[in-house]
Amino acid sequence: MRASSRSQWWRRHGSDADASPAAPDAAHAAAVGLPKAPAISSQESGERDLEQFVEWIWSGDARASAPASGVGVESTRITIEEKYDMSSLDDALQQLLAIEGATGAAIVDYGSGMALAQGGNPSFDLGIAAAGNSNVVRAKLATMRDLGVTDEIDDILITLSSQYHLINVLNTTGASGLFIYLVLNSASANLALARHKLKGIAAQIVV
């Protein structure tokens, strides 16, 4: 294995043994708060040099030595997507699209209107539909509160001339605040069977 230019750069700039306080690169690194690299002897081979560089990156030392201010290796900001287990949502999405007659599906955060997972090829923009149906869900929940109705929403069905739009609000503790939006072709879908399958998939979603 030949030593790459990356390992040579590491020996010149990253090693404590070669770093000089007066060097412009070292001063810049200190100013921006970059993590301190481990010392690597200039006597070691290029292969060992590169191996130690990779080990340092994967060991987590870079993250551990990053400044607390957040100018470093990773940000602590948590997005809506990061709040949920996206692999679980993607698995559920595939099951939804496997329902006979399904042309599109989305799993939506009704507080923000953002589709956390979506797929299929309906005749419209699923992202816009997700945001619009978030208003429907919020309005229905608000009406139920005003009426003093304590039942949970099973599903909301919207029937069009050629499509069924099914909305299933997730009521489990781990998935509260989300709903499933499923679009079906009315000519090829079995509505009763689709509702049954949708309910089963919704009960399995844990995020």
Protein backbone atom coordinates (compact mmCIF):
# COMPACT_ATOMS: atom_id res chain seq x y z
CA MET A 1 0.00 0.00 0.00
CA ARG A 2 1.42 3.39 -1.01
CA ALA A 3 1.18 6.36 1.31
CA SER A 4 -1.35 8.81 -0.09
CA SER A 5 -0.99 12.56 -0.32
CA ARG A 6 -3.54 12.72 2.52
CA SER A 7 -1.20 10.93 4.90
CA GLN A 8 1.68 13.18 3.84
CA TRP A 9 -0.47 16.24 4.56
CA TRP A 10 -1.34 14.76 7.94
CA ARG A 11 2.36 14.32 8.77
CA ARG A 12 3.11 17.93 7.75
CA HIS A 13 0.09 19.65 9.34
CA GLY A 14 -1.62 17.33 11.81
CA SER A 15 1.22 15.93 13.92
CA ASP A 16 2.06 17.48 17.29
CA ALA A 17 5.69 16.66 16.60
CA ASP A 18 5.78 18.91 13.54
CA ALA A 19 3.30 21.62 14.63
CA SER A 20 4.77 25.01 15.51
CA PRO A 21 2.88 27.66 17.55
CA ALA A 22 4.19 30.35 15.22
CA ALA A 23 3.05 28.60 12.03
CA PRO A 24 0.06 30.23 10.31
CA ASP A 25 -1.78 26.89 9.97
CA ALA A 26 -1.49 26.11 13.67
CA ALA A 27 -2.60 29.64 14.63
CA HIS A 28 -5.62 29.35 12.35
CA ALA A 29 -6.56 25.94 13.78
CA ALA A 30 -6.36 27.29 17.34
CA ALA A 31 -8.46 30.33 16.40
CA VAL A 32 -11.36 28.32 14.96
CA GLY A 33 -11.20 25.69 17.68
CA LEU A 34 -10.37 22.65 15.57
CA PRO A 35 -9.72 19.41 17.52
CA LYS A 36 -6.12 18.61 18.33
CA ALA A 37 -4.72 15.73 16.30
CA PRO A 38 -2.74 12.92 17.96
CA ALA A 39 1.02 12.90 17.56
CA ILE A 40 2.40 10.59 14.86
CA SER A 41 6.09 9.89 14.69
CA SER A 42 7.78 10.96 11.46
CA GLN A 43 9.75 7.71 11.64
CA GLU A 44 6.66 5.58 11.02
CA SER A 45 5.81 4.29 7.58
CA GLY A 46 3.18 5.90 5.37
CA GLU A 47 0.89 2.93 5.94
CA ARG A 48 1.00 3.29 9.74
CA ASP A 49 0.56 7.05 9.36
CA LEU A 50 -2.66 6.59 7.40
CA GLU A 51 -3.93 3.85 9.72
CA GLN A 52 -3.55 6.09 12.80
CA PHE A 53 -5.33 8.92 10.98
CA VAL A 54 -8.32 6.66 10.20
CA GLU A 55 -8.35 5.21 13.75
CA TRP A 56 -8.39 8.73 15.22
CA ILE A 57 -11.35 9.75 13.04
CA TRP A 58 -13.42 6.65 13.93
CA SER A 59 -12.48 6.58 17.61
CA GLY A 60 -14.62 9.62 18.39
CA ASP A 61 -11.66 11.66 19.69
CA ALA A 62 -12.38 14.31 17.07
CA ARG A 63 -15.90 14.78 18.42
CA ALA A 64 -14.80 14.57 22.05
CA SER A 65 -12.19 17.30 21.61
CA ALA A 66 -14.43 19.63 19.58
CA PRO A 67 -15.34 22.93 21.29
CA ALA A 68 -18.63 23.07 23.18
CA SER A 69 -19.69 26.16 21.22
CA GLY A 70 -20.62 23.95 18.25
CA VAL A 71 -18.07 25.32 15.70
CA GLY A 72 -16.63 21.82 15.34
CA VAL A 73 -17.25 18.39 13.97
CA GLU A 74 -21.01 18.03 14.47
CA SER A 75 -23.97 20.24 15.32
CA THR A 76 -26.23 19.60 18.30
CA ARG A 77 -29.31 21.04 16.60
CA ILE A 78 -32.08 18.43 16.38
CA THR A 79 -34.36 18.63 13.35
CA ILE A 80 -37.87 17.20 13.09
CA GLU A 81 -36.54 14.31 11.01
CA GLU A 82 -33.84 13.47 13.58
CA LYS A 83 -36.50 13.25 16.31
CA TYR A 84 -37.92 10.12 14.71
CA ASP A 85 -36.45 6.77 13.67
CA MET A 86 -36.40 7.33 9.92
CA SER A 87 -35.61 3.68 9.11
CA SER A 88 -38.82 2.62 10.89
CA LEU A 89 -40.83 5.18 8.92
CA ASP A 90 -39.30 4.07 5.62
CA ASP A 91 -40.18 0.43 6.37
CA ALA A 92 -43.78 1.42 7.11
CA LEU A 93 -43.89 3.46 3.90
CA GLN A 94 -42.89 0.44 1.82
CA GLN A 95 -45.68 -1.60 3.42
CA LEU A 96 -48.19 1.15 2.65
CA LEU A 97 -47.18 1.32 -1.00
CA ALA A 98 -47.57 -2.48 -1.23
CA ILE A 99 -51.33 -2.16 -0.51
CA GLU A 100 -53.32 -2.97 -3.64
CA GLY A 101 -54.32 0.19 -5.48
CA ALA A 102 -51.95 2.48 -3.53
CA THR A 103 -50.51 5.26 -5.70
CA GLY A 104 -48.90 7.34 -2.97
CA ALA A 105 -48.29 7.46 0.76
CA ALA A 106 -46.75 9.79 3.30
CA ILE A 107 -46.09 9.86 7.03
CA VAL A 108 -46.61 13.41 8.22
CA ASP A 109 -45.96 15.53 11.30
CA TYR A 110 -49.26 17.41 11.58
CA GLY A 111 -47.78 20.06 13.87
CA SER A 112 -45.44 21.32 11.14
CA GLY A 113 -47.08 19.86 8.04
CA MET A 114 -43.80 18.24 7.05
CA ALA A 115 -43.79 14.82 5.36
CA LEU A 116 -41.15 12.77 7.19
CA ALA A 117 -41.38 9.98 4.62
CA GLN A 118 -43.20 9.88 1.30
CA GLY A 119 -43.30 7.80 -1.85
CA GLY A 120 -45.31 6.68 -4.83
CA ASN A 121 -46.47 8.46 -7.97
CA PRO A 122 -49.85 10.10 -7.47
CA SER A 123 -51.07 12.78 -9.87
CA PHE A 124 -50.18 15.60 -7.46
CA ASP A 125 -47.44 16.88 -5.16
CA LEU A 126 -47.43 14.75 -2.00
CA GLY A 127 -45.53 17.40 -0.05
CA ILE A 128 -48.25 20.00 -0.67
CA ALA A 129 -50.97 17.44 0.07
CA ALA A 130 -49.25 16.52 3.36
CA ALA A 131 -49.20 20.16 4.47
CA GLY A 132 -52.84 20.69 3.45
CA ASN A 133 -54.08 17.57 5.20
CA SER A 134 -52.23 18.64 8.35
CA ASN A 135 -54.74 21.49 8.52
CA VAL A 136 -57.57 18.96 8.19
CA VAL A 137 -56.24 16.87 11.08
CA ARG A 138 -55.60 19.86 13.34
CA ALA A 139 -59.07 21.26 12.62
CA LYS A 140 -60.76 17.94 13.36
CA LEU A 141 -58.85 17.47 16.63
CA ALA A 142 -59.71 21.03 17.69
CA THR A 143 -63.41 20.44 16.91
CA MET A 144 -63.38 17.23 18.96
CA ARG A 145 -61.87 19.11 21.91
CA ASP A 146 -64.50 21.85 21.63
CA LEU A 147 -67.27 19.24 21.59
CA GLY A 148 -65.78 17.37 24.52
CA VAL A 149 -65.40 14.21 22.43
CA THR A 150 -62.68 12.04 23.98
CA ASP A 151 -62.67 9.26 21.36
CA GLU A 152 -59.60 8.87 19.17
CA ILE A 153 -59.77 9.30 15.39
CA ASP A 154 -59.66 5.94 13.64
CA ASP A 155 -59.36 7.30 10.12
CA ILE A 156 -60.64 10.06 7.89
CA LEU A 157 -61.85 9.10 4.42
CA ILE A 158 -62.06 11.56 1.54
CA THR A 159 -63.71 10.13 -1.58
CA LEU A 160 -62.94 11.63 -4.99
CA SER A 161 -64.26 10.55 -8.38
CA SER A 162 -61.22 8.38 -9.09
CA GLN A 163 -59.32 8.28 -5.78
CA TYR A 164 -59.67 7.48 -2.11
CA HIS A 165 -57.64 9.58 0.33
CA LEU A 166 -57.23 7.90 3.72
CA ILE A 167 -55.85 9.71 6.77
CA ASN A 168 -54.93 7.64 9.83
CA VAL A 169 -53.88 9.60 12.93
CA LEU A 170 -51.27 7.74 14.98
CA ASN A 171 -52.27 7.66 18.64
CA THR A 172 -49.51 5.53 20.18
CA THR A 173 -47.16 7.18 22.67
CA GLY A 174 -44.09 6.78 20.46
CA ALA A 175 -45.77 8.11 17.32
CA SER A 176 -48.07 10.83 18.63
CA GLY A 177 -48.23 13.94 16.47
CA LEU A 178 -48.03 11.95 13.21
CA PHE A 179 -50.56 10.74 10.69
CA ILE A 180 -50.47 8.42 7.68
CA TYR A 181 -51.77 9.75 4.39
CA LEU A 182 -52.60 7.04 1.85
CA VAL A 183 -53.80 7.65 -1.70
CA LEU A 184 -55.66 4.83 -3.50
CA ASN A 185 -56.88 4.38 -7.05
CA SER A 186 -60.59 3.70 -6.58
CA ALA A 187 -60.73 1.52 -9.70
CA SER A 188 -58.15 -0.99 -8.47
CA ALA A 189 -58.28 -0.70 -4.67
CA ASN A 190 -60.40 -2.66 -2.21
CA LEU A 191 -61.34 0.08 0.23
CA ALA A 192 -62.34 -2.20 3.11
CA LEU A 193 -59.16 -4.27 2.80
CA ALA A 194 -57.00 -1.16 2.43
CA ARG A 195 -58.44 0.34 5.63
CA HIS A 196 -57.80 -2.93 7.48
CA LYS A 197 -54.18 -3.09 6.29
CA LEU A 198 -53.64 0.60 7.02
CA LYS A 199 -54.84 0.15 10.58
CA GLY A 200 -52.47 -2.80 11.08
CA ILE A 201 -49.46 -0.90 9.72
CA ALA A 202 -50.29 2.15 11.84
CA ALA A 203 -50.36 0.03 15.01
CA GLN A 204 -46.83 -1.26 14.29
CA ILE A 205 -45.13 2.11 13.82
CA VAL A 206 -42.82 2.86 16.73
CA VAL A 207 -40.46 5.82 16.42
